Amino acid sequence: MAPPFTVAAPGGVRIRDRLRVTEGEAAVLRLVGEHLGRLQRTDLAVRVGIGRVKAGQNRRAERKRTLTVGSSSRWAGAMTRVSEDQYQLSLRCLYDERASLRRAVRAVEARLAVPCGRREGKVRGYADQSERWAKQRRLTMLKTRLTRVEARIESGRPGIVAGGRRLAKSRHNLAAARLTEGRWRQRWDAERLFLTADGESGAPHGNYTITVAPDTGEVLLVLPRPLRHLANAPRGRYRLTRTVGFSHRREEWLDRADANRAVRYDVIHDPQRGRWYLDASWSADTAVLPTPGELRARGGRLLGVDLNADHLAAHVLDSHGNPTGEPLTIPLGLTGPASQRDGHLRAAITRLIAVAERHRCAGIAIEDLGFDEARATGRETMGRGGRGKKFRRTVSGIPTARFRERLRGMAFHAGLVVIAVDPAYTSVWGGRYWKIPLQRHNPQTTVTRHHGASVAIARRALGHRVRRRPGVTAHDRRIVAWRATGQAVPTPWARGPRAHPGRRARPPRATRLDRAEVTGSRCFPTSKTVREVTRPPPGQVARVRPRTADHARSGYKTVASG
C-alpha cells in the first residue's frame, strides 16, 4: 500500500477580468486574432512536419524569423512556443491512448482464450457464443486503432485540430449539439483566434506586447505589421478605452506589474455571451509544504473527503484519529454545460474549505484516484449488461482530475494542505468499521458508508490504522464512551495510596465473581468473599469458577437445588 503524500502546490496563477470594448474595438481585436491565428496554424503545421526531434532541432529560430515578417518578434515568439507545447501535448496523448488500447486488447484476448461459460483461474470466459463473437469484432477494431496510433507515434505526426476536434465533429451533427450553423461558425472562429502575449521580465509592467498599467488599468496592444494602420497610440499600438482592474488577487498582480516581472496576457472571446475577457497568468514561487508526518507531529486536525459521482462525504478528525462533529454531505449536481458543472464543483470545494477553516483543520485528505485503467478496460472488468454499463457511466462521470486540480489550487490559497492517500479498501473498511459508530453518535443524521470512507481516508493520512483496535467495547463501567483506540496512549491504573496524583484511582475490587460459566438462568457464587449466598431456584444448576486459590484447588463446583 502506497504511503500518504502531500499534493504539490500549484505551479502558476491565472486571474481574469472583463474587457468592456466598443464595437469598433471588438472588430480590431477580431482582425488581429484572425491574422495571428492563421500565422500560428501555419507554424503548427510546419512543426508537425518536422516530427519527433530533440529540443534544439525543432528549428524554432528559423520559424520565428519567418513569422516576424507578418507580426512582430514577440508575437512570433509566443506563436512558436504555443506550437511546441501543443505538439508535445498531442504526443503525450498518443502515448496514453496506446497504453489504453494495449490494456484493452490484453483484457479481451485473455477472456477469449477461456471457453464460454468457464473460468480458468481469475479469468472468466464470455457467457455465450454471441457475446464471444461480438468481442472478437471489438478486438479487431481495437487492434486496428492500435496500429493507427502506433503508426502516428512512429512517424511523429499527431493529428491536431485547431479549434478542437469535438467542436469540429459537431459541425456534422448540429441538431444533436443544439446549434445552428451561424452559432457554430461564431464558436469556431472564436476558438481559432490567437491573442496570447508571453511575459518578459524587465519589460514595462512585465509584458511589452500587451501592457496593462497597474495604476490606471489602461490596456495597450501592439498591432502586427500589416495592421499598423489601425493604431491609435504611438509606436504601432492600439489603446482600449475601458480599463481593467483584476479584483481577484489584485495585490499579487500589482506586485509583479510594479516590479516589471513577467506576466502573460490572453484575450478571450465568448461568442455565446458576446463578451471579451483578459486573463493574466504567471508562474508561482515554489512552496515547501509540510509532510503528513509533520502535520501529525504538530497535532493538526484533518478533513477527510470521499469523492462520489453525485456528492462529497466528509468528516473532521483530530490528530489522534477520532471523529469529531457530525458527518457532512455536499451535493455536486454535475449536470448541464461544462461551465455550469465547473461552477458546481467550485461551490462544493468552497464549502469544504469553509468547514476546514471552521474546525481549524490543517489540511484536507483525499484519495489518490485515477480511473484511466478502469475506463480503458471497463467493458471487461466492470460488469456486463445494463448494470455494468450504468456503473461504467458512473465511474466515467466522477470528476477525479478536475476535482484534484481545483482542490489543490483553492486549498493552497486558503492556507490548507492537501494529502493524497492510497484508495485501497477505504469504502469497504469505512462501511464495516465506522458506519455503525458514526450512526450511534449522530442518531439524527443519515450516515452512509461514504462517511465511514472519509474517516478511513483521514486516518490513513494521519498514519493510523483504518480499523479500530480490537477488544474495545461500546459501553463499559471503565470505558463509558466510544473512542478510536488504534493510536490512544493507555493510562495505567494507579495502585496504592501513594499513586501518582495525575493518574486515575483503581476502582474497588468487585464482590461478585468476574468469571462464571452459568448453565442455568443465574450464577451461584461460592467464594467466601461473598457474605450472602443465595441458592438457585429448584431445578437449576450453577457452575462456578472460584476466584481465590483455595477454591481453585477444588476445581469447579456444581450446586444443585434441593
Protein backbone atom coordinates (compact mmCIF):
# COMPACT_ATOMS: atom_id res chain seq x y z
CA MET A 1 0.00 0.00 0.00
CA ALA A 2 1.41 3.38 -1.01
CA PRO A 3 2.18 5.82 1.82
CA PRO A 4 0.30 9.14 2.01
CA PHE A 5 1.94 12.15 0.41
CA THR A 6 1.40 15.89 0.22
CA VAL A 7 -0.01 17.16 -3.06
CA ALA A 8 2.30 19.74 -4.61
CA ALA A 9 1.30 23.38 -4.65
CA PRO A 10 0.02 24.86 -7.95
CA GLY A 11 2.79 25.99 -10.26
CA GLY A 12 1.07 29.13 -11.51
CA VAL A 13 -1.69 31.69 -11.06
CA ARG A 14 -4.35 32.73 -13.56
CA ILE A 15 -6.87 35.52 -12.99
CA ARG A 16 -9.50 37.07 -15.25
CA ASP A 17 -11.23 40.40 -15.76
CA ARG A 18 -13.76 41.52 -18.31
CA LEU A 19 -12.82 43.72 -21.25
CA ARG A 20 -15.67 46.13 -21.94
CA VAL A 21 -14.94 47.07 -25.54
CA THR A 22 -16.91 49.00 -28.11
CA GLU A 23 -17.98 47.56 -31.47
CA GLY A 24 -15.03 49.18 -33.23
CA GLU A 25 -12.55 47.85 -30.67
CA ALA A 26 -14.10 44.36 -30.91
CA ALA A 27 -13.67 44.48 -34.69
CA VAL A 28 -9.99 45.41 -34.31
CA LEU A 29 -9.39 42.62 -31.79
CA ARG A 30 -11.08 40.14 -34.10
CA LEU A 31 -8.93 41.23 -37.06
CA VAL A 32 -5.72 40.89 -35.02
CA GLY A 33 -6.76 37.50 -33.63
CA GLU A 34 -7.68 36.08 -37.05
CA HIS A 35 -4.44 37.31 -38.63
CA LEU A 36 -2.25 35.90 -35.85
CA GLY A 37 -4.31 32.70 -35.78
CA ARG A 38 -3.57 31.99 -39.43
CA LEU A 39 0.14 32.50 -38.80
CA GLN A 40 0.11 30.25 -35.76
CA ARG A 41 -1.70 27.43 -37.57
CA THR A 42 0.83 27.64 -40.38
CA ASP A 43 3.67 27.36 -37.87
CA LEU A 44 1.93 24.43 -36.18
CA ALA A 45 1.74 22.57 -39.50
CA VAL A 46 5.46 23.17 -40.03
CA ARG A 47 6.23 21.89 -36.52
CA VAL A 48 4.19 18.72 -37.06
CA GLY A 49 6.02 18.13 -40.32
CA ILE A 50 9.39 18.26 -38.54
CA GLY A 51 8.39 15.29 -36.38
CA ARG A 52 9.99 13.99 -33.20
CA VAL A 53 13.34 15.65 -32.74
CA LYS A 54 15.44 16.85 -29.84
CA ALA A 55 14.72 20.17 -28.16
CA GLY A 56 17.39 22.07 -30.09
CA GLN A 57 16.49 20.65 -33.50
CA ASN A 58 12.93 21.91 -33.93
CA ARG A 59 14.15 24.94 -35.99
CA ARG A 60 12.38 27.37 -33.73
CA ALA A 61 14.68 30.30 -34.54
CA GLU A 62 14.10 29.84 -38.27
CA ARG A 63 10.35 29.59 -37.82
CA LYS A 64 10.37 32.66 -35.61
CA ARG A 65 12.15 34.77 -38.21
CA THR A 66 9.58 33.72 -40.79
CA LEU A 67 6.68 34.70 -38.53
CA THR A 68 8.24 38.03 -37.56
CA VAL A 69 7.72 39.37 -41.09
CA GLY A 70 3.95 39.24 -40.70
CA SER A 71 3.68 40.13 -37.00
CA SER A 72 6.45 41.15 -34.60
CA SER A 73 9.30 39.46 -32.79
CA ARG A 74 7.40 38.95 -29.54
CA TRP A 75 4.20 37.77 -31.26
CA ALA A 76 6.32 35.27 -33.21
CA GLY A 77 7.97 34.01 -30.02
CA ALA A 78 4.58 33.36 -28.44
CA MET A 79 3.32 31.53 -31.55
CA THR A 80 6.33 29.20 -31.77
CA ARG A 81 6.10 28.46 -28.04
CA VAL A 82 2.38 27.58 -28.33
CA SER A 83 3.04 25.35 -31.34
CA GLU A 84 5.74 23.42 -29.48
CA ASP A 85 3.56 22.99 -26.39
CA GLN A 86 0.62 21.79 -28.45
CA TYR A 87 2.77 19.32 -30.35
CA GLN A 88 4.27 17.82 -27.19
CA LEU A 89 0.84 17.57 -25.57
CA SER A 90 -0.53 15.72 -28.59
CA LEU A 91 2.36 13.25 -28.42
CA ARG A 92 1.67 12.55 -24.76
CA CYS A 93 -1.99 11.96 -25.60
CA LEU A 94 -0.92 9.44 -28.25
CA TYR A 95 1.26 7.62 -25.72
CA ASP A 96 -1.65 7.43 -23.27
CA GLU A 97 -4.01 6.19 -25.98
CA ARG A 98 -1.55 3.49 -26.99
CA ALA A 99 -1.23 2.27 -23.40
CA SER A 100 -5.01 2.30 -23.00
CA LEU A 101 -5.56 0.29 -26.19
CA ARG A 102 -2.92 -2.24 -25.23
CA ARG A 103 -4.61 -2.85 -21.86
CA ALA A 104 -7.97 -3.31 -23.56
CA VAL A 105 -6.51 -5.75 -26.10
CA ARG A 106 -4.87 -7.81 -23.36
CA ALA A 107 -8.12 -7.99 -21.38
CA VAL A 108 -10.20 -9.13 -24.37
CA GLU A 109 -7.60 -11.67 -25.52
CA ALA A 110 -7.38 -13.17 -22.03
CA ARG A 111 -11.13 -13.71 -21.90
CA LEU A 112 -11.29 -15.05 -25.43
CA ALA A 113 -8.71 -17.70 -24.50
CA VAL A 114 -11.19 -19.21 -21.97
CA PRO A 115 -14.13 -21.29 -23.27
CA CYS A 116 -17.63 -19.86 -22.93
CA GLY A 117 -19.18 -20.26 -19.52
CA ARG A 118 -15.98 -21.48 -17.89
CA ARG A 119 -13.33 -19.97 -15.64
CA GLU A 120 -9.58 -20.53 -15.59
CA GLY A 121 -8.01 -19.01 -12.52
CA LYS A 122 -9.20 -15.44 -12.21
CA VAL A 123 -10.19 -15.10 -15.87
CA ARG A 124 -13.78 -15.83 -16.78
CA GLY A 125 -14.90 -16.67 -20.28
CA TYR A 126 -17.81 -14.98 -22.01
CA ALA A 127 -21.34 -16.11 -21.30
CA ASP A 128 -22.32 -17.40 -24.75
CA GLN A 129 -21.18 -17.57 -28.35
CA SER A 130 -23.00 -14.40 -29.40
CA GLU A 131 -21.14 -12.30 -26.83
CA ARG A 132 -17.88 -14.00 -27.76
CA TRP A 133 -18.43 -13.17 -31.43
CA ALA A 134 -19.15 -9.52 -30.57
CA LYS A 135 -15.95 -9.35 -28.53
CA GLN A 136 -13.96 -10.78 -31.43
CA ARG A 137 -15.22 -7.93 -33.60
CA ARG A 138 -14.32 -5.46 -30.87
CA LEU A 139 -10.83 -6.97 -30.64
CA THR A 140 -10.35 -6.42 -34.37
CA MET A 141 -11.45 -2.81 -34.03
CA LEU A 142 -9.11 -2.23 -31.07
CA LYS A 143 -6.16 -3.69 -32.93
CA THR A 144 -6.91 -1.50 -35.95
CA ARG A 145 -6.96 1.61 -33.76
CA LEU A 146 -3.77 0.48 -32.03
CA THR A 147 -2.00 0.02 -35.38
CA ARG A 148 -3.06 3.51 -36.46
CA VAL A 149 -1.85 5.09 -33.21
CA GLU A 150 1.49 3.28 -33.32
CA ALA A 151 1.99 4.48 -36.89
CA ARG A 152 1.39 8.08 -35.83
CA ILE A 153 3.84 7.73 -32.96
CA GLU A 154 6.45 6.19 -35.22
CA SER A 155 6.12 8.99 -37.76
CA GLY A 156 5.95 11.66 -35.04
CA ARG A 157 2.95 13.37 -36.62
CA PRO A 158 -0.05 13.51 -34.28
CA GLY A 159 -3.42 14.70 -35.53
CA ILE A 160 -4.16 18.19 -34.19
CA VAL A 161 -7.36 20.11 -34.89
CA ALA A 162 -7.00 23.86 -34.38
CA GLY A 163 -10.23 24.84 -32.67
CA GLY A 164 -10.98 21.48 -31.09
CA ARG A 165 -11.84 18.06 -32.50
CA ARG A 166 -15.13 17.88 -30.62
CA LEU A 167 -16.34 21.20 -31.99
CA ALA A 168 -15.27 20.18 -35.49
CA LYS A 169 -17.30 16.96 -35.30
CA SER A 170 -20.36 18.80 -34.02
CA ARG A 171 -20.50 20.61 -37.38
CA HIS A 172 -21.91 17.40 -38.90
CA ASN A 173 -24.42 16.95 -36.03
CA LEU A 174 -25.78 20.43 -35.42
CA ALA A 175 -29.18 19.14 -34.28
CA ALA A 176 -27.65 16.85 -31.65
CA ALA A 177 -25.36 19.67 -30.48
CA ARG A 178 -28.34 22.09 -30.35
CA LEU A 179 -26.54 24.60 -32.56
CA THR A 180 -27.32 26.48 -35.71
CA GLU A 181 -24.80 26.89 -38.47
CA GLY A 182 -24.32 30.56 -37.63
CA ARG A 183 -23.74 29.94 -33.92
CA TRP A 184 -21.37 27.11 -34.69
CA ARG A 185 -19.39 29.35 -37.01
CA GLN A 186 -19.10 32.01 -34.30
CA ARG A 187 -17.77 29.49 -31.78
CA TRP A 188 -15.38 28.02 -34.36
CA ASP A 189 -13.93 31.40 -35.30
CA ALA A 190 -13.58 32.40 -31.62
CA GLU A 191 -11.65 29.21 -30.80
CA ARG A 192 -9.20 29.83 -33.65
CA LEU A 193 -8.29 33.37 -32.61
CA PHE A 194 -4.75 33.91 -31.33
CA LEU A 195 -4.30 36.77 -28.87
CA THR A 196 -1.64 35.46 -26.49
CA ALA A 197 1.36 37.51 -25.37
CA ASP A 198 4.08 35.91 -23.24
CA GLY A 199 5.51 37.95 -20.41
CA GLU A 200 9.07 39.19 -20.22
CA SER A 201 10.91 40.21 -17.08
CA GLY A 202 12.30 43.71 -17.40
CA ALA A 203 9.66 44.82 -19.92
CA PRO A 204 7.30 47.66 -18.94
CA HIS A 205 4.90 46.15 -16.36
CA GLY A 206 6.02 42.62 -17.26
CA ASN A 207 4.78 42.48 -20.87
CA TYR A 208 5.72 44.53 -23.90
CA THR A 209 3.14 43.17 -26.38
CA ILE A 210 0.03 43.57 -24.19
CA THR A 211 0.66 46.13 -21.48
CA VAL A 212 -1.69 46.82 -18.58
CA ALA A 213 -0.81 49.83 -16.46
CA PRO A 214 -1.14 48.91 -12.75
CA ASP A 215 -2.04 52.44 -11.62
CA THR A 216 -4.70 53.29 -14.23
CA GLY A 217 -5.66 49.87 -15.67
CA GLU A 218 -5.11 51.10 -19.23
CA VAL A 219 -4.66 48.34 -21.85
CA LEU A 220 -2.26 48.77 -24.79
CA LEU A 221 -1.89 46.23 -27.61
CA VAL A 222 0.96 46.04 -30.15
CA LEU A 223 -0.52 45.57 -33.62
CA PRO A 224 1.05 43.25 -36.22
CA ARG A 225 2.85 44.99 -39.07
CA PRO A 226 0.11 44.51 -41.71
CA LEU A 227 -2.41 46.12 -39.31
CA ARG A 228 -0.34 49.07 -38.07
CA HIS A 229 -2.63 51.48 -39.92
CA LEU A 230 -5.29 50.82 -37.22
CA ALA A 231 -3.07 52.16 -34.43
CA ASN A 232 -4.39 54.96 -32.21
CA ALA A 233 -1.30 55.22 -29.98
CA PRO A 234 2.44 55.80 -30.66
CA ARG A 235 4.73 53.03 -31.98
CA GLY A 236 2.03 51.00 -33.67
CA ARG A 237 -0.08 50.38 -30.58
CA TYR A 238 -3.82 50.24 -30.04
CA ARG A 239 -5.29 51.64 -26.83
CA LEU A 240 -8.62 50.42 -25.43
CA THR A 241 -10.96 53.00 -23.96
CA ARG A 242 -12.06 50.96 -20.94
CA THR A 243 -9.74 49.82 -18.16
CA VAL A 244 -9.30 46.57 -16.20
CA GLY A 245 -8.65 46.12 -12.50
CA PHE A 246 -8.32 42.38 -11.68
CA SER A 247 -10.22 42.45 -8.41
CA HIS A 248 -9.34 38.82 -7.64
CA ARG A 249 -5.79 38.53 -6.26
CA ARG A 250 -5.11 42.08 -7.30
CA GLU A 251 -2.29 42.62 -4.82
CA GLU A 252 -0.21 39.78 -6.28
CA TRP A 253 -0.71 41.11 -9.80
CA LEU A 254 0.25 44.63 -8.70
CA ASP A 255 3.43 43.37 -7.03
CA ARG A 256 4.56 41.73 -10.28
CA ALA A 257 3.47 44.55 -12.57
CA ASP A 258 5.14 47.24 -10.45
CA ALA A 259 8.36 45.21 -10.28
CA ASN A 260 8.34 44.61 -14.08
CA ARG A 261 8.18 40.84 -13.59
CA ALA A 262 6.84 38.63 -16.39
CA VAL A 263 3.04 38.44 -16.72
CA ARG A 264 1.34 36.63 -19.59
CA TYR A 265 -1.93 38.01 -21.02
CA ASP A 266 -4.59 36.22 -23.07
CA VAL A 267 -7.55 37.91 -24.75
CA ILE A 268 -10.54 35.52 -24.83
CA HIS A 269 -13.76 35.95 -26.79
CA ASP A 270 -17.00 34.28 -25.65
CA PRO A 271 -19.48 34.44 -28.56
CA GLN A 272 -22.35 32.92 -26.56
CA ARG A 273 -22.36 35.88 -24.17
CA GLY A 274 -20.87 38.36 -26.58
CA ARG A 275 -18.11 39.27 -24.12
CA TRP A 276 -14.35 39.73 -24.18
CA TYR A 277 -12.07 38.79 -21.28
CA LEU A 278 -8.45 39.43 -20.36
CA ASP A 279 -6.58 36.69 -18.49
CA ALA A 280 -3.35 37.35 -16.59
CA SER A 281 -1.12 34.46 -15.57
CA TRP A 282 2.33 33.98 -14.10
CA SER A 283 4.49 31.28 -12.53
CA ALA A 284 4.15 30.90 -8.78
CA ASP A 285 7.09 30.65 -6.43
CA THR A 286 7.95 27.14 -5.27
CA ALA A 287 6.36 26.50 -1.87
CA VAL A 288 7.62 23.91 0.63
CA LEU A 289 4.58 22.18 2.12
CA PRO A 290 4.61 20.08 5.31
CA THR A 291 4.62 16.31 5.01
CA PRO A 292 1.93 14.10 6.60
CA GLY A 293 4.40 13.20 9.37
CA GLU A 294 4.99 16.86 10.18
CA LEU A 295 1.26 17.56 10.30
CA ARG A 296 0.77 14.63 12.66
CA ALA A 297 3.61 15.85 14.89
CA ARG A 298 2.03 19.30 15.11
CA GLY A 299 -1.26 17.79 16.24
CA GLY A 300 -3.37 19.34 13.50
CA ARG A 301 -6.83 18.20 12.50
CA LEU A 302 -7.73 16.83 9.09
CA LEU A 303 -10.88 16.86 6.99
CA GLY A 304 -11.35 13.53 5.24
CA VAL A 305 -13.24 13.72 1.93
CA ASP A 306 -14.69 10.84 -0.09
CA LEU A 307 -15.42 11.78 -3.71
CA ASN A 308 -18.51 10.18 -5.29
CA ALA A 309 -20.42 10.63 -8.51
CA ASP A 310 -23.12 12.90 -7.07
CA HIS A 311 -21.88 14.10 -3.68
CA LEU A 312 -18.91 14.61 -1.36
CA ALA A 313 -18.87 12.83 2.01
CA ALA A 314 -16.62 14.45 4.63
CA HIS A 315 -15.77 14.18 8.31
CA VAL A 316 -13.37 16.02 10.64
CA LEU A 317 -10.80 14.03 12.63
CA ASP A 318 -8.47 15.19 15.38
CA SER A 319 -4.75 14.40 15.42
CA HIS A 320 -5.39 11.06 17.21
CA GLY A 321 -7.81 9.87 14.52
CA ASN A 322 -11.01 10.40 16.50
CA PRO A 323 -14.03 11.66 14.51
CA THR A 324 -15.30 14.98 15.82
CA GLY A 325 -18.50 16.79 14.99
CA GLU A 326 -21.07 15.50 12.55
CA PRO A 327 -20.61 13.89 9.12
CA LEU A 328 -21.06 16.25 6.19
CA THR A 329 -22.70 15.60 2.81
CA ILE A 330 -22.20 18.11 -0.03
CA PRO A 331 -24.14 17.52 -3.27
CA LEU A 332 -22.28 18.07 -6.53
CA GLY A 333 -25.04 18.29 -9.14
CA LEU A 334 -22.71 17.80 -12.12
CA THR A 335 -25.31 18.37 -14.82
CA GLY A 336 -25.70 20.88 -17.62
CA PRO A 337 -22.96 22.54 -19.69
CA ALA A 338 -19.29 22.43 -18.79
CA SER A 339 -19.23 25.92 -17.28
CA GLN A 340 -22.18 25.08 -15.03
CA ARG A 341 -20.60 21.80 -13.88
CA ASP A 342 -17.37 23.62 -13.11
CA GLY A 343 -19.30 26.18 -11.06
CA HIS A 344 -20.99 23.45 -9.01
CA LEU A 345 -17.63 21.80 -8.37
CA ARG A 346 -16.09 25.08 -7.24
CA ALA A 347 -19.04 25.73 -4.90
CA ALA A 348 -18.63 22.28 -3.32
CA ILE A 349 -14.90 22.83 -2.79
CA THR A 350 -15.64 26.24 -1.28
CA ARG A 351 -17.93 24.56 1.28
CA LEU A 352 -15.22 22.04 2.10
CA ILE A 353 -12.68 24.80 2.71
CA ALA A 354 -15.17 26.68 4.90
CA VAL A 355 -15.75 23.58 7.03
CA ALA A 356 -12.00 23.01 7.36
CA GLU A 357 -11.42 26.59 8.44
CA ARG A 358 -14.31 26.49 10.92
CA HIS A 359 -12.89 23.39 12.61
CA ARG A 360 -9.31 24.73 12.41
CA CYS A 361 -8.07 21.89 10.24
CA ALA A 362 -4.51 21.86 8.97
CA GLY A 363 -5.39 20.14 5.73
CA ILE A 364 -7.76 18.04 3.64
CA ALA A 365 -7.26 14.33 2.96
CA ILE A 366 -8.47 12.82 -0.33
CA GLU A 367 -7.95 9.60 -2.26
CA ASP A 368 -5.32 9.40 -4.97
CA LEU A 369 -7.88 8.37 -7.56
CA GLY A 370 -7.20 7.61 -11.19
CA PHE A 371 -9.73 5.71 -13.28
CA ASP A 372 -7.68 5.68 -16.51
CA GLU A 373 -7.07 1.93 -16.50
CA ALA A 374 -10.62 1.19 -15.37
CA ARG A 375 -12.03 3.31 -18.19
CA ALA A 376 -9.79 1.58 -20.72
CA THR A 377 -10.78 -1.99 -19.82
CA GLY A 378 -14.11 -1.17 -18.22
CA ARG A 379 -16.21 -3.35 -20.53
CA GLU A 380 -14.25 -6.42 -19.46
CA THR A 381 -13.66 -5.76 -15.77
CA MET A 382 -16.55 -3.60 -14.54
CA GLY A 383 -19.64 -5.71 -15.17
CA ARG A 384 -21.75 -6.55 -18.19
CA GLY A 385 -25.22 -5.73 -19.36
CA GLY A 386 -27.27 -2.74 -18.32
CA ARG A 387 -25.98 -2.76 -14.76
CA GLY A 388 -22.35 -2.81 -15.84
CA LYS A 389 -22.96 -0.05 -18.36
CA LYS A 390 -24.58 2.12 -15.69
CA PHE A 391 -21.66 1.52 -13.34
CA ARG A 392 -19.11 2.38 -16.04
CA ARG A 393 -21.02 5.57 -16.81
CA THR A 394 -20.94 6.46 -13.12
CA VAL A 395 -17.20 5.89 -12.88
CA SER A 396 -16.58 7.97 -16.00
CA GLY A 397 -18.71 10.78 -14.59
CA ILE A 398 -16.64 11.22 -11.42
CA PRO A 399 -14.51 14.36 -11.96
CA THR A 400 -11.33 12.99 -10.41
CA ALA A 401 -8.71 15.05 -12.25
CA ARG A 402 -10.69 18.29 -12.25
CA PHE A 403 -11.60 17.90 -8.56
CA ARG A 404 -7.98 17.27 -7.62
CA GLU A 405 -6.67 20.28 -9.54
CA ARG A 406 -9.39 22.63 -8.30
CA LEU A 407 -8.95 21.48 -4.70
CA ARG A 408 -5.17 21.80 -4.89
CA GLY A 409 -5.28 25.40 -6.03
CA MET A 410 -8.14 26.62 -3.84
CA ALA A 411 -6.86 24.87 -0.71
CA PHE A 412 -3.34 26.24 -1.20
CA HIS A 413 -4.59 29.80 -1.42
CA ALA A 414 -6.66 29.20 1.73
CA GLY A 415 -3.60 28.02 3.66
CA LEU A 416 -4.57 24.32 3.72
CA VAL A 417 -2.52 21.27 2.80
CA VAL A 418 -3.96 18.52 0.58
CA ILE A 419 -2.85 14.96 1.42
CA ALA A 420 -3.49 12.09 -1.00
CA VAL A 421 -3.73 8.51 0.28
CA ASP A 422 -3.99 5.06 -1.25
CA PRO A 423 -7.68 4.39 -2.03
CA ALA A 424 -7.46 0.64 -1.33
CA TYR A 425 -10.42 -0.67 0.71
CA THR A 426 -11.39 2.74 2.11
CA SER A 427 -15.08 2.31 1.25
CA VAL A 428 -15.17 -1.34 2.37
CA TRP A 429 -13.46 -0.82 5.71
CA GLY A 430 -15.16 2.51 6.30
CA GLY A 431 -18.58 0.92 5.91
CA ARG A 432 -17.63 -2.10 8.01
CA TYR A 433 -15.87 -0.46 10.96
CA TRP A 434 -17.06 3.16 11.06
CA LYS A 435 -20.61 3.37 9.77
CA ILE A 436 -22.28 1.96 12.90
CA PRO A 437 -20.18 4.01 15.39
CA LEU A 438 -20.83 7.22 13.47
CA GLN A 439 -24.55 6.47 13.27
CA ARG A 440 -24.68 5.79 17.02
CA HIS A 441 -23.02 9.11 17.79
CA ASN A 442 -25.19 11.01 15.29
CA PRO A 443 -28.68 9.50 15.52
CA GLN A 444 -30.28 12.50 13.84
CA THR A 445 -28.04 12.26 10.75
CA THR A 446 -28.16 9.68 7.99
CA VAL A 447 -24.72 8.07 7.94
CA THR A 448 -23.60 6.09 4.88
CA ARG A 449 -20.55 4.02 4.15
CA HIS A 450 -19.14 7.01 2.28
CA HIS A 451 -18.88 8.91 5.57
CA GLY A 452 -17.06 5.92 7.01
CA ALA A 453 -14.77 6.04 3.99
CA SER A 454 -13.98 9.69 4.71
CA VAL A 455 -12.93 8.69 8.25
CA ALA A 456 -10.78 5.89 6.84
CA ILE A 457 -9.13 8.32 4.40
CA ALA A 458 -8.30 10.84 7.13
CA ARG A 459 -6.97 8.15 9.48
CA ARG A 460 -4.73 6.81 6.73
CA ALA A 461 -3.47 10.34 6.04
CA LEU A 462 -2.61 10.72 9.74
CA GLY A 463 -0.64 7.48 9.70
CA HIS A 464 -3.12 5.44 11.78
CA ARG A 465 -4.77 2.14 11.02
CA VAL A 466 -8.11 2.33 9.26
CA ARG A 467 -9.63 -0.30 11.55
CA ARG A 468 -10.10 0.38 15.22
CA ARG A 469 -8.15 -1.63 17.78
CA PRO A 470 -9.98 -4.88 18.53
CA GLY A 471 -11.31 -5.68 22.01
CA VAL A 472 -12.80 -2.27 22.84
CA THR A 473 -16.45 -2.45 23.79
CA ALA A 474 -19.09 0.15 23.19
CA HIS A 475 -20.05 0.76 26.82
CA ASP A 476 -18.36 -0.47 29.97
CA ARG A 477 -18.02 0.59 33.59
CA ARG A 478 -14.42 1.61 32.82
CA ILE A 479 -14.87 2.74 29.22
CA VAL A 480 -18.05 4.77 29.02
CA ALA A 481 -17.69 6.25 25.53
CA TRP A 482 -16.61 5.25 22.06
CA ARG A 483 -13.08 6.17 21.06
CA ALA A 484 -10.72 5.48 18.21
CA THR A 485 -8.15 3.37 20.03
CA GLY A 486 -5.60 2.49 17.40
CA GLN A 487 -3.47 5.44 18.47
CA ALA A 488 -4.54 6.25 22.01
CA VAL A 489 -1.88 6.06 24.75
CA PRO A 490 -3.10 3.76 27.56
CA THR A 491 -3.26 5.31 31.04
CA PRO A 492 -2.22 2.78 33.71
CA TRP A 493 -4.34 2.39 36.80
CA ALA A 494 -2.87 3.82 39.99
CA ARG A 495 -2.11 1.34 42.77
CA GLY A 496 -1.89 2.04 46.47
CA PRO A 497 -2.28 5.25 48.47
CA ARG A 498 0.97 6.69 47.03
CA ALA A 499 -0.16 6.58 43.44
CA HIS A 500 0.67 9.40 41.08
CA PRO A 501 -1.84 12.23 41.66
CA GLY A 502 -2.39 12.67 37.92
CA ARG A 503 -3.48 9.10 37.39
CA ARG A 504 -6.90 7.67 37.94
CA ALA A 505 -7.53 5.57 41.03
CA ARG A 506 -8.32 1.88 40.60
CA PRO A 507 -11.95 1.14 41.42
CA PRO A 508 -12.59 -1.20 44.36
CA ARG A 509 -12.50 -4.91 43.67
CA ALA A 510 -15.88 -6.31 42.85
CA THR A 511 -17.50 -8.62 45.37
CA ARG A 512 -19.13 -10.73 42.72
CA LEU A 513 -17.21 -13.25 40.69
CA ASP A 514 -15.92 -11.84 37.41
CA ARG A 515 -15.76 -15.12 35.54
CA ALA A 516 -18.57 -17.60 35.79
CA GLU A 517 -19.85 -20.13 33.37
CA VAL A 518 -23.54 -20.43 34.00
CA THR A 519 -25.64 -23.33 32.79
CA GLY A 520 -28.87 -22.02 34.31
CA SER A 521 -30.52 -18.63 34.50
CA ARG A 522 -28.46 -17.33 37.44
CA CYS A 523 -24.91 -17.54 38.66
CA PHE A 524 -24.45 -19.15 42.08
CA PRO A 525 -21.27 -17.80 43.75
CA THR A 526 -19.33 -19.99 46.19
CA SER A 527 -16.45 -17.66 47.12
CA LYS A 528 -16.04 -16.89 50.82
CA THR A 529 -15.64 -13.23 49.97
CA VAL A 530 -19.38 -13.06 49.36
CA ARG A 531 -21.28 -12.60 52.60
CA GLU A 532 -24.67 -13.86 51.49
CA VAL A 533 -25.17 -17.00 49.47
CA THR A 534 -28.38 -17.27 47.56
CA ARG A 535 -29.23 -20.75 46.41
CA PRO A 536 -30.60 -21.16 42.92
CA PRO A 537 -34.25 -21.94 42.38
CA PRO A 538 -35.31 -25.61 42.34
CA GLY A 539 -34.32 -27.46 39.19
CA GLN A 540 -31.46 -25.12 38.17
CA VAL A 541 -27.74 -25.74 38.39
CA ALA A 542 -24.93 -23.13 38.51
CA ARG A 543 -21.36 -23.98 37.54
CA VAL A 544 -18.86 -21.51 39.00
CA ARG A 545 -15.11 -20.93 38.62
CA PRO A 546 -13.79 -19.78 42.03
CA ARG A 547 -11.55 -16.73 42.22
CA THR A 548 -9.36 -17.50 45.26
CA ALA A 549 -6.53 -20.02 45.27
CA ASP A 550 -8.20 -22.17 47.98
CA HIS A 551 -11.30 -22.59 45.94
CA ALA A 552 -9.30 -23.15 42.75
CA ARG A 553 -7.81 -26.33 44.19
CA SER A 554 -11.24 -27.86 44.44
CA GLY A 555 -12.00 -27.11 40.77
CA TYR A 556 -15.48 -26.41 39.52
CA LYS A 557 -18.37 -26.80 41.94
CA THR A 558 -21.80 -27.83 40.90
CA VAL A 559 -24.56 -26.70 43.21
CA ALA A 560 -27.95 -28.24 42.65
CA SER A 561 -31.19 -27.24 44.19
CA GLY A 562 -32.87 -29.44 46.75
